[in-house]
Every structure is written in structure tokens, then in C-alpha cells.
N, C-alpha and C. Protein backbone atom coordinates (compact mmCIF):
# COMPACT_ATOMS: atom_id res chain seq x y z
N UNK A 1 0.81 -1.31 0.00
CA UNK A 1 -0.03 -0.06 -0.17
C UNK A 1 0.99 1.26 0.04
N UNK A 2 0.32 2.44 -0.70
CA UNK A 2 1.18 3.62 -0.76
C UNK A 2 0.69 4.60 0.35
N UNK A 3 1.52 5.48 0.45
CA UNK A 3 1.47 6.78 1.31
C UNK A 3 1.31 8.02 0.58
N UNK A 4 0.54 8.75 1.04
CA UNK A 4 0.28 10.01 0.15
C UNK A 4 1.48 10.97 -0.28
N UNK A 5 2.74 10.74 0.54
CA UNK A 5 3.69 11.53 0.28
C UNK A 5 4.94 10.84 -0.36
N UNK A 6 4.65 9.62 -0.98
CA UNK A 6 5.56 9.15 -1.75
C UNK A 6 5.83 9.83 -3.22
N UNK A 7 6.90 10.05 -3.83
CA UNK A 7 7.37 10.18 -4.77
C UNK A 7 6.70 9.51 -6.10
N UNK A 8 6.17 10.26 -7.22
CA UNK A 8 5.49 9.50 -8.14
C UNK A 8 6.83 8.62 -9.03
N UNK A 9 8.00 8.86 -8.67
CA UNK A 9 9.34 8.55 -9.45
C UNK A 9 9.53 7.37 -8.90
N UNK A 10 9.37 7.30 -7.55
CA UNK A 10 9.85 6.20 -6.96
C UNK A 10 9.24 4.93 -6.60
N UNK A 11 7.73 5.28 -6.37
CA UNK A 11 6.68 4.00 -6.17
C UNK A 11 6.07 3.69 -7.34
N UNK A 12 5.83 4.42 -8.23
CA UNK A 12 4.62 3.91 -9.29
C UNK A 12 5.46 4.00 -10.67
N UNK A 13 5.49 2.73 -11.34
CA UNK A 13 5.94 2.75 -12.56
C UNK A 13 5.81 4.27 -13.57
N UNK A 14 6.59 4.51 -14.33
CA UNK A 14 6.36 5.67 -15.29
C UNK A 14 5.31 5.54 -16.04
N UNK A 15 5.14 4.16 -16.53
CA UNK A 15 3.97 3.77 -17.45
C UNK A 15 2.59 3.76 -17.06
N UNK A 16 2.49 3.77 -15.61
CA UNK A 16 1.20 4.01 -14.99
C UNK A 16 0.97 5.48 -15.28
N UNK A 17 1.72 6.33 -14.63
CA UNK A 17 1.80 7.77 -14.73
C UNK A 17 1.29 8.34 -16.21
N UNK A 18 2.29 7.69 -17.14
CA UNK A 18 1.98 8.15 -18.65
C UNK A 18 0.54 7.70 -19.19
N UNK A 19 0.07 6.49 -18.54
CA UNK A 19 -1.19 5.87 -18.90
C UNK A 19 -2.45 6.71 -18.29
N UNK A 20 -2.30 7.31 -17.15
CA UNK A 20 -3.19 8.24 -16.50
C UNK A 20 -3.44 9.59 -17.11
N UNK A 21 -2.15 9.97 -17.58
CA UNK A 21 -2.12 11.15 -18.50
C UNK A 21 -2.70 11.18 -19.87
N UNK A 22 -2.51 9.90 -20.12
CA UNK A 22 -3.06 9.60 -21.61
C UNK A 22 -4.57 9.59 -21.77
N UNK A 23 -5.07 8.96 -20.42
CA UNK A 23 -6.83 8.75 -20.03
C UNK A 23 -6.99 10.23 -20.21
N UNK A 24 -6.40 11.14 -19.23
CA UNK A 24 -6.82 12.35 -19.11
C UNK A 24 -7.02 13.12 -20.37
N UNK A 25 -5.78 13.02 -21.15
CA UNK A 25 -5.92 13.68 -22.44
C UNK A 25 -7.19 13.13 -23.27
N UNK A 26 -7.43 12.06 -23.36
CA UNK A 26 -8.47 11.42 -24.29
C UNK A 26 -9.67 11.78 -23.73
N UNK A 27 -9.82 12.43 -22.34
CA UNK A 27 -11.10 12.72 -22.05
C UNK A 27 -11.81 12.09 -20.48
N UNK A 28 -10.74 11.38 -20.13
CA UNK A 28 -11.45 10.64 -18.75
C UNK A 28 -11.03 11.90 -17.42
N UNK A 29 -11.83 11.60 -16.73
CA UNK A 29 -11.95 12.58 -15.61
C UNK A 29 -10.47 12.16 -14.59
N UNK A 30 -9.95 12.77 -13.83
CA UNK A 30 -9.02 12.43 -12.83
C UNK A 30 -9.35 11.39 -12.11
N UNK A 31 -10.56 11.24 -11.63
CA UNK A 31 -11.20 10.10 -10.90
C UNK A 31 -11.14 8.87 -11.33
N UNK A 32 -11.49 8.91 -12.84
CA UNK A 32 -11.49 7.69 -13.67
C UNK A 32 -9.96 7.17 -13.95
N UNK A 33 -9.17 8.09 -14.22
CA UNK A 33 -7.70 7.87 -14.43
C UNK A 33 -7.11 7.18 -13.15
N UNK A 34 -7.31 7.59 -12.17
CA UNK A 34 -6.87 7.16 -10.66
C UNK A 34 -7.61 5.69 -10.51
N UNK A 35 -8.65 5.20 -11.02
CA UNK A 35 -9.04 4.28 -10.68
C UNK A 35 -8.27 3.02 -11.33
N UNK A 36 -7.58 3.25 -12.31
CA UNK A 36 -6.87 2.27 -12.95
C UNK A 36 -6.21 1.42 -11.95
N UNK A 37 -6.22 0.04 -12.12
CA UNK A 37 -5.33 -0.60 -11.14
C UNK A 37 -3.77 -0.27 -10.85
N UNK A 38 -3.48 -0.09 -9.84
CA UNK A 38 -1.97 0.18 -9.44
C UNK A 38 -1.88 1.79 -9.48
N UNK A 39 -2.89 2.59 -9.90
CA UNK A 39 -2.91 3.77 -9.90
C UNK A 39 -2.82 4.49 -8.58
N UNK A 40 -2.03 5.72 -8.26
CA UNK A 40 -2.15 6.50 -7.03
C UNK A 40 -3.51 7.31 -6.89
N UNK A 41 -4.13 7.34 -5.88
CA UNK A 41 -5.30 8.07 -5.45
C UNK A 41 -5.35 9.68 -6.01
N UNK A 42 -6.41 10.03 -6.14
CA UNK A 42 -6.52 11.52 -6.60
C UNK A 42 -6.00 12.42 -5.88
N UNK A 43 -6.20 12.29 -4.37
CA UNK A 43 -5.48 13.31 -3.81
C UNK A 43 -3.91 13.07 -3.88
N UNK A 44 -3.30 12.02 -4.07
CA UNK A 44 -1.78 11.86 -4.24
C UNK A 44 -1.44 12.54 -5.36
N UNK A 45 -2.17 12.19 -6.34
CA UNK A 45 -1.88 12.60 -7.93
C UNK A 45 -1.83 14.23 -7.64
N UNK A 46 -2.67 14.95 -7.20
CA UNK A 46 -2.81 16.23 -7.07
C UNK A 46 -1.51 16.76 -6.19
N UNK A 47 -1.35 16.24 -5.07
CA UNK A 47 -0.31 16.22 -4.35
C UNK A 47 1.08 16.60 -4.99
N UNK A 48 1.33 15.61 -6.05
CA UNK A 48 2.51 15.34 -6.71
C UNK A 48 2.16 16.28 -7.68
N UNK A 49 1.28 16.84 -8.37
CA UNK A 49 1.18 17.84 -9.27
C UNK A 49 1.61 19.14 -8.93
N UNK A 50 1.26 19.44 -7.70
CA UNK A 50 1.42 20.44 -6.65
C UNK A 50 3.09 20.54 -6.44
N UNK A 51 3.83 19.33 -6.39
CA UNK A 51 4.92 19.57 -5.89
C UNK A 51 6.17 19.24 -7.21
N UNK A 52 5.59 19.00 -8.13
CA UNK A 52 6.65 18.44 -9.10
C UNK A 52 6.17 18.93 -10.49
N UNK A 53 7.10 20.13 -10.53
CA UNK A 53 7.00 20.88 -12.05
C UNK A 53 6.76 20.25 -13.48
N UNK A 54 7.53 19.32 -13.41
CA UNK A 54 7.59 18.47 -14.82
C UNK A 54 6.26 17.76 -14.71
N UNK A 55 5.89 17.07 -13.68
CA UNK A 55 4.45 16.49 -13.81
C UNK A 55 3.39 17.41 -13.76
N UNK A 56 3.30 18.79 -13.23
CA UNK A 56 2.69 19.70 -13.43
C UNK A 56 2.24 19.90 -14.77
N UNK A 57 3.38 20.25 -15.36
CA UNK A 57 3.23 20.55 -16.87
C UNK A 57 2.59 19.47 -17.80
N UNK A 58 3.18 18.48 -17.64
CA UNK A 58 2.68 17.02 -18.37
C UNK A 58 0.93 17.06 -18.00
N UNK A 59 0.62 17.19 -16.82
CA UNK A 59 -0.79 17.26 -16.55
C UNK A 59 -1.48 18.51 -17.07
N UNK A 60 -0.86 19.65 -17.16
CA UNK A 60 -1.58 20.49 -17.96
C UNK A 60 -1.58 20.45 -19.42
N UNK A 61 -0.62 20.03 -20.10
CA UNK A 61 -0.65 19.41 -21.52
C UNK A 61 -1.80 18.40 -21.86
N UNK A 62 -1.92 17.59 -20.88
CA UNK A 62 -2.94 16.60 -20.92
C UNK A 62 -4.54 17.12 -20.81
N UNK A 63 -4.84 18.08 -19.84
CA UNK A 63 -6.04 18.91 -19.92
C UNK A 63 -6.08 19.66 -21.14
N UNK A 64 -5.07 20.38 -21.44
CA UNK A 64 -5.33 21.13 -23.00
C UNK A 64 -5.82 20.08 -23.91
N UNK A 65 -5.06 19.25 -24.08
CA UNK A 65 -5.58 18.32 -25.03
C UNK A 65 -6.84 17.68 -24.89
N UNK A 66 -7.49 17.65 -23.63
CA UNK A 66 -8.78 16.99 -23.44
C UNK A 66 -9.72 18.13 -23.98
N UNK A 67 -9.42 19.36 -23.55
CA UNK A 67 -10.24 20.56 -23.64
C UNK A 67 -10.29 20.61 -25.29
N UNK A 68 -9.20 20.80 -25.79
CA UNK A 68 -9.15 20.68 -27.33
C UNK A 68 -10.03 19.74 -27.97
N UNK A 69 -9.66 18.37 -27.69
CA UNK A 69 -10.54 17.38 -28.30
C UNK A 69 -12.10 17.37 -28.09
N UNK A 70 -12.54 17.92 -26.95
CA UNK A 70 -14.01 18.22 -26.72
C UNK A 70 -14.56 19.24 -27.42
N UNK A 71 -13.96 20.55 -27.49
CA UNK A 71 -14.46 21.85 -27.77
C UNK A 71 -13.97 22.18 -29.04
N UNK A 72 -12.74 21.92 -29.52
CA UNK A 72 -12.32 22.51 -30.97
C UNK A 72 -12.58 21.58 -32.21
N UNK A 73 -13.39 22.15 -33.06
CA UNK A 73 -13.78 21.41 -34.07
C UNK A 73 -12.88 22.00 -35.36
N UNK A 74 -12.11 20.96 -36.03
CA UNK A 74 -11.45 21.41 -36.95
C UNK A 74 -11.88 21.07 -38.24
């Protein structure tokens, strides 16, 4: 079991974080992305986003992609 203060780079495989961000970019909610087997909790993900600039940037990119896919028609 994980604790909320663990670093995403030490406990969860990068592939899990990558898949979560891909889910968000494709339209999934954070709650749904965090429901993946082996994924961190939503609270943990947001704590990491608040303390890790690289992850925060990747999350912001995923949210921008989600918004673009939902609302921008080309």
C-alpha cells in the first residue's frame, strides 16, 4: 500500500503515470484515471502535481489536449 507523500518517480512505474495522463488527454476524468489498477489516489496525484513541476506541466498538457478534443472542431 502507498502513502500520500511518496514520490511518483519512486513508487509507481512511469508507465502508469503516462497511461493516466493519456486517459485524461483522451477525455477521462482524474477520478477515472486514478481508478486504474495500481494507480495512485486522486489526492496523491494532485499533491504530486503541486510539488513536481515536470508532472504539473505534463498534467496541464493533458488537460489542454482534453479540452481541445472536446471543444475545438477543425
